[in-house]
Amino acid sequence: MKAGLNTLLIATCSLGLCLSFRSSAIDYVFTGTGSGPLGSSTFNTSFQITLTLNPANYFFDAFYNSPAISNVTGRITLQGVGTATFLDPLTVVGHGSGYGEIMIGDGWRTPAPYLNFLLAFECAHLVDYNLTSPIGPVNAEQIMISNSPVHTSMGDLYFDRVNFPLTFQAVPEPSIRALIILATPVALLLQRRKAKNKNAGG
């Protein structure tokens, strides 16, 4: 009876973790240095862009022939300046054919359906990346920027320069990391109980 209960608990924990990874948000973190205008001022400092993506908003972009995720939220922290929230929903477009790329933008240029992108990060490690699983950190092999501003809580922002190295990683959102931390001691406890029962029976 106890062995069956232990097995059920382990299976339940495993299933819960799997479902959480598949259905919950994931955070993208870009870290580097750069310069550009922000509102009525300019910056030249280190920055960190943090984006939260929901896999439920995944779609395939026919124009770029690539996976994409819409309704992305996020913020940019500029050292010595502050943290600005992106006001408009962002779109992340994934790898193109033959190379790995992630583009961040807040809308679509007209009349052609090009993404109004803030930053494009290229790296061979991102070839065939599905946008929804943990990866990295990896370093950019190529960086692209545009002078089309995105709207933030501190004013319109764009980069006129982003330096190497620029790193990217995708990590489970904090609630999922907390679930992993919670599940780990439970799994260890079940293993110890199983070993104790085995020793008692032998």
C-alpha atoms as a PDB file:
ATOM      1  CA  MET A   1       0.000   0.000   0.000  1.00  0.00           C
ATOM      2  CA  LYS A   2       2.758   2.446   0.980  1.00  0.00           C
ATOM      3  CA  ALA A   3       4.773   1.577  -2.124  1.00  0.00           C
ATOM      4  CA  GLY A   4       1.722   2.268  -4.288  1.00  0.00           C
ATOM      5  CA  LEU A   5       1.128   5.594  -2.535  1.00  0.00           C
ATOM      6  CA  ASN A   6       4.756   6.630  -2.988  1.00  0.00           C
ATOM      7  CA  THR A   7       4.610   5.816  -6.678  1.00  0.00           C
ATOM      8  CA  LEU A   8       1.403   7.819  -7.042  1.00  0.00           C
ATOM      9  CA  LEU A   9       2.902  10.837  -5.275  1.00  0.00           C
ATOM     10  CA  ILE A  10       6.037  10.753  -7.436  1.00  0.00           C
ATOM     11  CA  ALA A  11       3.945  10.456 -10.584  1.00  0.00           C
ATOM     12  CA  THR A  12       1.732  13.337  -9.492  1.00  0.00           C
ATOM     13  CA  CYS A  13       4.736  15.588  -8.784  1.00  0.00           C
ATOM     14  CA  SER A  14       6.308  14.696 -12.126  1.00  0.00           C
ATOM     15  CA  LEU A  15       3.089  15.338 -14.021  1.00  0.00           C
ATOM     16  CA  GLY A  16       2.572  18.659 -12.258  1.00  0.00           C
ATOM     17  CA  LEU A  17       6.059  19.821 -13.166  1.00  0.00           C
ATOM     18  CA  CYS A  18       5.671  18.737 -16.794  1.00  0.00           C
ATOM     19  CA  LEU A  19       2.335  20.508 -17.160  1.00  0.00           C
ATOM     20  CA  SER A  20       3.735  23.643 -15.516  1.00  0.00           C
ATOM     21  CA  PHE A  21       6.687  23.768 -17.909  1.00  0.00           C
ATOM     22  CA  ARG A  22       4.428  23.277 -20.914  1.00  0.00           C
ATOM     23  CA  SER A  23       1.716  25.772 -20.017  1.00  0.00           C
ATOM     24  CA  SER A  24       3.340  28.476 -17.882  1.00  0.00           C
ATOM     25  CA  ALA A  25       5.154  31.628 -18.818  1.00  0.00           C
ATOM     26  CA  ILE A  26       8.862  31.764 -19.462  1.00  0.00           C
ATOM     27  CA  ASP A  27      11.177  34.731 -18.940  1.00  0.00           C
ATOM     28  CA  TYR A  28      13.649  35.964 -21.548  1.00  0.00           C
ATOM     29  CA  VAL A  29      16.628  37.916 -20.220  1.00  0.00           C
ATOM     30  CA  PHE A  30      18.957  39.938 -22.461  1.00  0.00           C
ATOM     31  CA  THR A  31      22.007  41.516 -20.812  1.00  0.00           C
ATOM     32  CA  GLY A  32      24.505  43.898 -22.413  1.00  0.00           C
ATOM     33  CA  THR A  33      25.608  47.492 -22.857  1.00  0.00           C
ATOM     34  CA  GLY A  34      24.337  50.061 -25.291  1.00  0.00           C
ATOM     35  CA  SER A  35      23.314  53.616 -25.966  1.00  0.00           C
ATOM     36  CA  GLY A  36      20.416  55.556 -27.428  1.00  0.00           C
ATOM     37  CA  PRO A  37      17.600  57.988 -26.673  1.00  0.00           C
ATOM     38  CA  LEU A  38      15.028  57.517 -23.942  1.00  0.00           C
ATOM     39  CA  GLY A  39      12.320  60.151 -23.875  1.00  0.00           C
ATOM     40  CA  SER A  40      14.006  63.552 -23.910  1.00  0.00           C
ATOM     41  CA  SER A  41      17.357  62.218 -22.648  1.00  0.00           C
ATOM     42  CA  THR A  42      19.984  59.723 -23.774  1.00  0.00           C
ATOM     43  CA  PHE A  43      21.713  56.763 -22.144  1.00  0.00           C
ATOM     44  CA  ASN A  44      25.030  54.974 -22.538  1.00  0.00           C
ATOM     45  CA  THR A  45      25.145  52.209 -19.964  1.00  0.00           C
ATOM     46  CA  SER A  46      24.588  48.539 -19.178  1.00  0.00           C
ATOM     47  CA  PHE A  47      21.057  47.234 -19.582  1.00  0.00           C
ATOM     48  CA  GLN A  48      18.893  44.208 -18.922  1.00  0.00           C
ATOM     49  CA  ILE A  49      15.736  43.457 -20.870  1.00  0.00           C
ATOM     50  CA  THR A  50      13.350  41.045 -19.145  1.00  0.00           C
ATOM     51  CA  LEU A  51      10.386  39.695 -21.103  1.00  0.00           C
ATOM     52  CA  THR A  52       7.596  37.362 -19.981  1.00  0.00           C
ATOM     53  CA  LEU A  53       6.129  35.118 -22.676  1.00  0.00           C
ATOM     54  CA  ASN A  54       3.050  32.938 -22.490  1.00  0.00           C
ATOM     55  CA  PRO A  55       3.270  29.826 -24.731  1.00  0.00           C
ATOM     56  CA  ALA A  56      -0.509  30.055 -25.214  1.00  0.00           C
ATOM     57  CA  ASN A  57       0.170  33.078 -27.464  1.00  0.00           C
ATOM     58  CA  TYR A  58       2.378  31.076 -29.822  1.00  0.00           C
ATOM     59  CA  PHE A  59       1.695  31.404 -33.561  1.00  0.00           C
ATOM     60  CA  PHE A  60       3.521  30.796 -36.816  1.00  0.00           C
ATOM     61  CA  ASP A  61       4.378  33.965 -38.709  1.00  0.00           C
ATOM     62  CA  ALA A  62       3.943  33.312 -42.423  1.00  0.00           C
ATOM     63  CA  PHE A  63       5.870  36.394 -43.543  1.00  0.00           C
ATOM     64  CA  TYR A  64       9.020  35.527 -41.573  1.00  0.00           C
ATOM     65  CA  ASN A  65       8.331  31.790 -41.939  1.00  0.00           C
ATOM     66  CA  SER A  66       9.159  31.484 -38.260  1.00  0.00           C
ATOM     67  CA  PRO A  67       7.582  30.763 -34.878  1.00  0.00           C
ATOM     68  CA  ALA A  68       6.432  33.765 -32.881  1.00  0.00           C
ATOM     69  CA  ILE A  69       4.751  34.717 -29.615  1.00  0.00           C
ATOM     70  CA  SER A  70       2.476  37.734 -29.202  1.00  0.00           C
ATOM     71  CA  ASN A  71       1.255  39.763 -26.215  1.00  0.00           C
ATOM     72  CA  VAL A  72       4.659  39.718 -24.561  1.00  0.00           C
ATOM     73  CA  THR A  73       5.177  41.975 -21.538  1.00  0.00           C
ATOM     74  CA  GLY A  74       8.470  43.263 -20.221  1.00  0.00           C
ATOM     75  CA  ARG A  75      10.769  45.942 -18.945  1.00  0.00           C
ATOM     76  CA  ILE A  76      14.240  47.336 -19.501  1.00  0.00           C
ATOM     77  CA  THR A  77      16.554  48.283 -16.646  1.00  0.00           C
ATOM     78  CA  LEU A  78      19.251  50.824 -17.473  1.00  0.00           C
ATOM     79  CA  GLN A  79      22.021  51.133 -14.904  1.00  0.00           C
ATOM     80  CA  GLY A  80      22.047  54.604 -13.386  1.00  0.00           C
ATOM     81  CA  VAL A  81      18.833  55.552 -15.186  1.00  0.00           C
ATOM     82  CA  GLY A  82      16.014  53.326 -13.933  1.00  0.00           C
ATOM     83  CA  THR A  83      13.552  50.684 -15.044  1.00  0.00           C
ATOM     84  CA  ALA A  84      11.095  51.372 -17.850  1.00  0.00           C
ATOM     85  CA  THR A  85       8.089  49.174 -18.622  1.00  0.00           C
ATOM     86  CA  PHE A  86       7.172  48.495 -22.240  1.00  0.00           C
ATOM     87  CA  LEU A  87       3.728  50.034 -22.701  1.00  0.00           C
ATOM     88  CA  ASP A  88       2.589  48.184 -25.810  1.00  0.00           C
ATOM     89  CA  PRO A  89       2.324  44.402 -26.159  1.00  0.00           C
ATOM     90  CA  LEU A  90       5.514  43.067 -27.680  1.00  0.00           C
ATOM     91  CA  THR A  91       5.971  40.326 -30.253  1.00  0.00           C
ATOM     92  CA  VAL A  92       8.901  37.922 -30.299  1.00  0.00           C
ATOM     93  CA  VAL A  93       9.762  36.294 -33.625  1.00  0.00           C
ATOM     94  CA  GLY A  94      12.046  33.263 -33.621  1.00  0.00           C
ATOM     95  CA  HIS A  95      14.636  31.707 -35.862  1.00  0.00           C
ATOM     96  CA  GLY A  96      14.797  32.239 -39.581  1.00  0.00           C
ATOM     97  CA  SER A  97      15.841  29.649 -42.128  1.00  0.00           C
ATOM     98  CA  GLY A  98      19.421  28.466 -41.598  1.00  0.00           C
ATOM     99  CA  TYR A  99      20.272  30.645 -38.611  1.00  0.00           C
ATOM    100  CA  GLY A 100      19.068  31.288 -35.091  1.00  0.00           C
ATOM    101  CA  GLU A 101      17.492  34.626 -34.335  1.00  0.00           C
ATOM    102  CA  ILE A 102      15.169  36.277 -31.852  1.00  0.00           C
ATOM    103  CA  MET A 103      13.603  39.638 -32.702  1.00  0.00           C
ATOM    104  CA  ILE A 104      11.800  41.859 -30.190  1.00  0.00           C
ATOM    105  CA  GLY A 105       9.282  44.399 -31.460  1.00  0.00           C
ATOM    106  CA  ASP A 106       6.150  46.279 -30.436  1.00  0.00           C
ATOM    107  CA  GLY A 107       4.201  46.371 -33.679  1.00  0.00           C
ATOM    108  CA  TRP A 108       4.221  45.955 -37.421  1.00  0.00           C
ATOM    109  CA  ARG A 109       5.399  48.454 -39.980  1.00  0.00           C
ATOM    110  CA  THR A 110       3.040  49.312 -42.817  1.00  0.00           C
ATOM    111  CA  PRO A 111       2.429  48.674 -45.628  1.00  0.00           C
ATOM    112  CA  ALA A 112       4.892  45.727 -45.562  1.00  0.00           C
ATOM    113  CA  PRO A 113       4.447  43.338 -42.595  1.00  0.00           C
ATOM    114  CA  TYR A 114       7.875  43.879 -41.088  1.00  0.00           C
ATOM    115  CA  LEU A 115       8.232  43.799 -37.331  1.00  0.00           C
ATOM    116  CA  ASN A 116       8.995  47.181 -35.779  1.00  0.00           C
ATOM    117  CA  PHE A 117      11.876  45.669 -33.861  1.00  0.00           C
ATOM    118  CA  LEU A 118      13.926  47.045 -31.002  1.00  0.00           C
ATOM    119  CA  LEU A 119      16.601  44.362 -31.047  1.00  0.00           C
ATOM    120  CA  ALA A 120      17.498  41.242 -33.024  1.00  0.00           C
ATOM    121  CA  PHE A 121      19.797  38.645 -31.467  1.00  0.00           C
ATOM    122  CA  GLU A 122      21.459  36.054 -33.699  1.00  0.00           C
ATOM    123  CA  CYS A 123      23.237  32.924 -32.484  1.00  0.00           C
ATOM    124  CA  ALA A 124      23.760  29.458 -33.962  1.00  0.00           C
ATOM    125  CA  HIS A 125      22.595  27.908 -30.672  1.00  0.00           C
ATOM    126  CA  LEU A 126      19.108  29.252 -31.424  1.00  0.00           C
ATOM    127  CA  VAL A 127      18.642  27.329 -34.672  1.00  0.00           C
ATOM    128  CA  ASP A 128      15.426  25.312 -34.259  1.00  0.00           C
ATOM    129  CA  TYR A 129      14.769  26.882 -30.847  1.00  0.00           C
ATOM    130  CA  ASN A 130      11.021  26.619 -30.138  1.00  0.00           C
ATOM    131  CA  LEU A 131      10.797  29.869 -28.094  1.00  0.00           C
ATOM    132  CA  THR A 132       9.081  28.163 -25.145  1.00  0.00           C
ATOM    133  CA  SER A 133      11.782  26.108 -23.367  1.00  0.00           C
ATOM    134  CA  PRO A 134      14.711  27.092 -21.112  1.00  0.00           C
ATOM    135  CA  ILE A 135      17.998  27.779 -22.899  1.00  0.00           C
ATOM    136  CA  GLY A 136      21.273  29.611 -22.315  1.00  0.00           C
ATOM    137  CA  PRO A 137      22.929  31.752 -21.443  1.00  0.00           C
ATOM    138  CA  VAL A 138      24.308  32.153 -24.959  1.00  0.00           C
ATOM    139  CA  ASN A 139      26.233  35.007 -26.561  1.00  0.00           C
ATOM    140  CA  ALA A 140      25.127  36.906 -29.653  1.00  0.00           C
ATOM    141  CA  GLU A 141      27.126  36.334 -32.810  1.00  0.00           C
ATOM    142  CA  GLN A 142      25.361  39.160 -34.590  1.00  0.00           C
ATOM    143  CA  ILE A 143      23.245  42.059 -33.315  1.00  0.00           C
ATOM    144  CA  MET A 144      20.779  44.155 -35.278  1.00  0.00           C
ATOM    145  CA  ILE A 145      18.989  47.295 -34.131  1.00  0.00           C
ATOM    146  CA  SER A 146      16.623  49.779 -35.732  1.00  0.00           C
ATOM    147  CA  ASN A 147      15.840  53.432 -35.145  1.00  0.00           C
ATOM    148  CA  SER A 148      12.134  52.752 -34.763  1.00  0.00           C
ATOM    149  CA  PRO A 149      11.242  53.595 -31.142  1.00  0.00           C
ATOM    150  CA  VAL A 150       9.194  51.462 -28.785  1.00  0.00           C
ATOM    151  CA  HIS A 151       6.982  53.062 -26.174  1.00  0.00           C
ATOM    152  CA  THR A 152       7.990  52.776 -22.506  1.00  0.00           C
ATOM    153  CA  SER A 153       6.898  54.268 -19.204  1.00  0.00           C
ATOM    154  CA  MET A 154       9.945  56.570 -19.340  1.00  0.00           C
ATOM    155  CA  GLY A 155       9.397  57.692 -22.928  1.00  0.00           C
ATOM    156  CA  ASP A 156      10.150  56.360 -26.391  1.00  0.00           C
ATOM    157  CA  LEU A 157      13.288  54.243 -26.596  1.00  0.00           C
ATOM    158  CA  TYR A 158      15.545  52.775 -29.222  1.00  0.00           C
ATOM    159  CA  PHE A 159      19.181  51.726 -29.456  1.00  0.00           C
ATOM    160  CA  ASP A 160      21.690  53.512 -31.654  1.00  0.00           C
ATOM    161  CA  ARG A 161      24.354  51.080 -30.501  1.00  0.00           C
ATOM    162  CA  VAL A 162      24.503  47.704 -28.729  1.00  0.00           C
ATOM    163  CA  ASN A 163      27.908  46.266 -27.898  1.00  0.00           C
ATOM    164  CA  PHE A 164      29.325  42.767 -27.691  1.00  0.00           C
ATOM    165  CA  PRO A 165      29.023  40.739 -25.568  1.00  0.00           C
ATOM    166  CA  LEU A 166      25.246  40.519 -25.516  1.00  0.00           C
ATOM    167  CA  THR A 167      23.841  37.481 -23.698  1.00  0.00           C
ATOM    168  CA  PHE A 168      20.452  35.814 -23.798  1.00  0.00           C
ATOM    169  CA  GLN A 169      18.821  33.157 -21.679  1.00  0.00           C
ATOM    170  CA  ALA A 170      15.313  31.794 -21.258  1.00  0.00           C
ATOM    171  CA  VAL A 171      14.377  30.637 -17.774  1.00  0.00           C
ATOM    172  CA  PRO A 172      11.159  29.419 -16.111  1.00  0.00           C
ATOM    173  CA  GLU A 173       9.224  32.224 -14.486  1.00  0.00           C
ATOM    174  CA  PRO A 174       9.775  32.582 -10.709  1.00  0.00           C
ATOM    175  CA  SER A 175       6.625  30.635  -9.749  1.00  0.00           C
ATOM    176  CA  ILE A 176       7.836  27.604 -11.706  1.00  0.00           C
ATOM    177  CA  ARG A 177      11.296  27.832 -10.146  1.00  0.00           C
ATOM    178  CA  ALA A 178       9.570  27.891  -6.742  1.00  0.00           C
ATOM    179  CA  LEU A 179       7.619  24.778  -7.700  1.00  0.00           C
ATOM    180  CA  ILE A 180      10.857  22.987  -8.583  1.00  0.00           C
ATOM    181  CA  ILE A 181      12.384  23.985  -5.234  1.00  0.00           C
ATOM    182  CA  LEU A 182       9.266  22.725  -3.439  1.00  0.00           C
ATOM    183  CA  ALA A 183       9.111  19.452  -5.365  1.00  0.00           C
ATOM    184  CA  THR A 184      12.774  18.526  -4.848  1.00  0.00           C
ATOM    185  CA  PRO A 185      12.641  17.830  -1.070  1.00  0.00           C
ATOM    186  CA  VAL A 186       9.333  15.983  -1.535  1.00  0.00           C
ATOM    187  CA  ALA A 187      10.985  13.665  -4.056  1.00  0.00           C
ATOM    188  CA  LEU A 188      13.977  13.127  -1.737  1.00  0.00           C
ATOM    189  CA  LEU A 189      11.654  12.335   1.181  1.00  0.00           C
ATOM    190  CA  LEU A 190       9.803   9.761  -0.873  1.00  0.00           C
ATOM    191  CA  GLN A 191      13.069   8.147  -1.929  1.00  0.00           C
ATOM    192  CA  ARG A 192      14.257   7.907   1.681  1.00  0.00           C
ATOM    193  CA  ARG A 193      10.923   6.431   2.770  1.00  0.00           C
ATOM    194  CA  LYS A 194      11.154   3.847   0.001  1.00  0.00           C
ATOM    195  CA  ALA A 195      14.711   2.920   1.033  1.00  0.00           C
ATOM    196  CA  LYS A 196      13.673   2.669   4.708  1.00  0.00           C
ATOM    197  CA  ASN A 197      10.758   0.400   3.880  1.00  0.00           C
ATOM    198  CA  LYS A 198      13.034  -1.795   1.776  1.00  0.00           C
ATOM    199  CA  ASN A 199      15.570  -2.127   4.587  1.00  0.00           C
ATOM    200  CA  ALA A 200      12.837  -2.887   7.122  1.00  0.00           C
ATOM    201  CA  GLY A 201      11.426  -5.588   4.916  1.00  0.00           C
ATOM    202  CA  GLY A 202      14.806  -7.167   4.246  1.00  0.00           C
END
